[in-house]
Amino acid sequence: MKITFVKKILASGEPCPKCEDVEQRLQKTDQLSMIDETLIADERDDQSAGMVLAKKLGVERAPFFAVEDNDETKVYTVYFKFAKEILGKQTSKVDQGKEILNDNPDLDYI
């Protein structure tokens, strides 16, 4: 599974306030580590990576998440739905590491 987070830069050059809010939520909950790629959709540049992806997927709102899984791409424009359906299913790398250490106490000395 590949997760792409697309955030927008407004025509004024300012970051999108909603995009900043979502990014802060991702950071605060340590979910940003589960995002594989972050792209910028710059309203001043139709060829920016985020604008190209948005056009390809038919998305007109930002921020959004593109989740690629088994040759299928699902788009989420609502952070809470994305977090519940996608991030809620994944275990963070930290949690995975803790589970490995708990299951193998001898590894903690390496």
Protein backbone atom coordinates (compact mmCIF):
# COMPACT_ATOMS: atom_id res chain seq x y z
CA MET A 1 0.00 0.00 0.00
CA LYS A 2 1.25 3.47 -0.90
CA ILE A 3 -0.20 6.58 0.73
CA THR A 4 0.25 10.00 -0.84
CA PHE A 5 -0.71 13.17 1.03
CA VAL A 6 -1.41 16.19 -1.18
CA LYS A 7 -1.45 19.64 0.34
CA LYS A 8 -2.07 22.94 -1.42
CA ILE A 9 -0.30 26.25 -1.81
CA LEU A 10 -2.82 28.99 -2.56
CA ALA A 11 -2.49 31.42 -5.49
CA SER A 12 -1.31 34.02 -2.94
CA GLY A 13 1.66 31.79 -2.10
CA GLU A 14 0.29 31.05 1.36
CA PRO A 15 -0.17 27.47 2.55
CA CYS A 16 -3.73 26.21 2.67
CA PRO A 17 -4.93 26.56 6.31
CA LYS A 18 -6.92 23.30 6.19
CA CYS A 19 -3.87 21.50 4.78
CA GLU A 20 -1.71 22.82 7.61
CA ASP A 21 -4.30 21.68 10.15
CA VAL A 22 -4.37 18.16 8.71
CA GLU A 23 -0.57 17.99 8.59
CA GLN A 24 -0.38 19.06 12.25
CA ARG A 25 -2.87 16.34 13.18
CA LEU A 26 -0.77 13.78 11.34
CA GLN A 27 2.35 14.95 13.18
CA LYS A 28 0.68 15.11 16.58
CA THR A 29 -0.64 11.55 16.30
CA ASP A 30 2.61 10.21 14.77
CA GLN A 31 0.65 9.23 11.66
CA LEU A 32 2.89 11.25 9.35
CA SER A 33 5.35 8.36 9.51
CA MET A 34 2.74 6.22 7.73
CA ILE A 35 2.60 8.59 4.75
CA ASP A 36 4.85 7.44 1.91
CA GLU A 37 4.87 10.66 -0.10
CA THR A 38 3.79 14.28 0.32
CA LEU A 39 3.09 16.34 -2.79
CA ILE A 40 2.40 20.04 -3.19
CA ALA A 41 -0.52 21.22 -5.31
CA ASP A 42 0.57 24.77 -6.11
CA GLU A 43 -2.28 26.83 -7.54
CA ARG A 44 0.32 29.01 -9.29
CA ASP A 45 1.75 26.02 -11.18
CA ASP A 46 -0.56 23.62 -13.05
CA GLN A 47 2.42 21.30 -13.52
CA SER A 48 3.24 20.94 -9.81
CA ALA A 49 3.18 17.30 -8.77
CA GLY A 50 0.10 17.70 -6.58
CA MET A 51 -1.87 19.53 -9.28
CA VAL A 52 -0.99 16.87 -11.86
CA LEU A 53 -2.11 14.08 -9.51
CA ALA A 54 -5.30 15.94 -8.57
CA LYS A 55 -6.19 16.36 -12.23
CA LYS A 56 -5.40 12.71 -12.98
CA LEU A 57 -7.65 11.55 -10.11
CA GLY A 58 -10.36 14.17 -10.70
CA VAL A 59 -9.92 15.73 -7.27
CA GLU A 60 -10.82 19.39 -6.78
CA ARG A 61 -10.27 19.72 -3.01
CA ALA A 62 -7.20 19.75 -0.85
CA PRO A 63 -5.86 18.32 1.25
CA PHE A 64 -6.44 14.82 0.00
CA PHE A 65 -4.95 11.38 0.34
CA ALA A 66 -4.43 8.94 -2.52
CA VAL A 67 -4.17 5.34 -1.33
CA GLU A 68 -2.81 2.89 -3.88
CA ASP A 69 -3.41 -0.77 -3.12
CA ASN A 70 -3.40 -3.68 -5.55
CA ASP A 71 -3.51 -1.49 -8.69
CA GLU A 72 -6.47 0.45 -7.28
CA THR A 73 -6.36 4.04 -6.06
CA LYS A 74 -8.86 5.35 -3.53
CA VAL A 75 -9.07 9.07 -2.78
CA TYR A 76 -9.93 10.54 0.60
CA THR A 77 -10.74 14.24 0.93
CA VAL A 78 -11.83 13.93 4.57
CA TYR A 79 -8.98 13.37 7.03
CA PHE A 80 -11.07 11.63 9.72
CA LYS A 81 -12.49 9.10 7.27
CA PHE A 82 -8.99 8.45 5.91
CA ALA A 83 -7.54 8.06 9.41
CA LYS A 84 -10.29 5.68 10.48
CA GLU A 85 -10.38 3.52 7.35
CA ILE A 86 -6.69 3.47 6.42
CA LEU A 87 -4.46 4.53 9.29
CA GLY A 88 -6.59 2.73 11.84
CA LYS A 89 -5.80 -0.52 10.06
CA GLN A 90 -2.05 0.04 10.05
CA THR A 91 0.33 -0.36 12.92
CA SER A 92 3.01 2.27 13.24
CA LYS A 93 6.63 1.23 12.80
CA VAL A 94 7.25 2.08 16.45
CA ASP A 95 4.42 -0.23 17.54
CA GLN A 96 5.74 -2.95 15.23
CA GLY A 97 9.21 -2.57 16.78
CA LYS A 98 7.80 -2.74 20.31
CA GLU A 99 5.88 -5.88 19.43
CA ILE A 100 9.02 -7.52 18.02
CA LEU A 101 10.99 -6.61 21.16
CA ASN A 102 8.21 -7.89 23.42
CA ASP A 103 8.10 -11.18 21.54
CA ASN A 104 11.91 -11.50 21.48
CA PRO A 105 13.38 -10.11 24.73
CA ASP A 106 16.89 -11.20 23.72
CA LEU A 107 16.87 -8.65 20.82
CA ASP A 108 16.84 -5.73 23.19
CA TYR A 109 20.58 -6.19 23.79
CA ILE A 110 21.63 -5.90 20.15
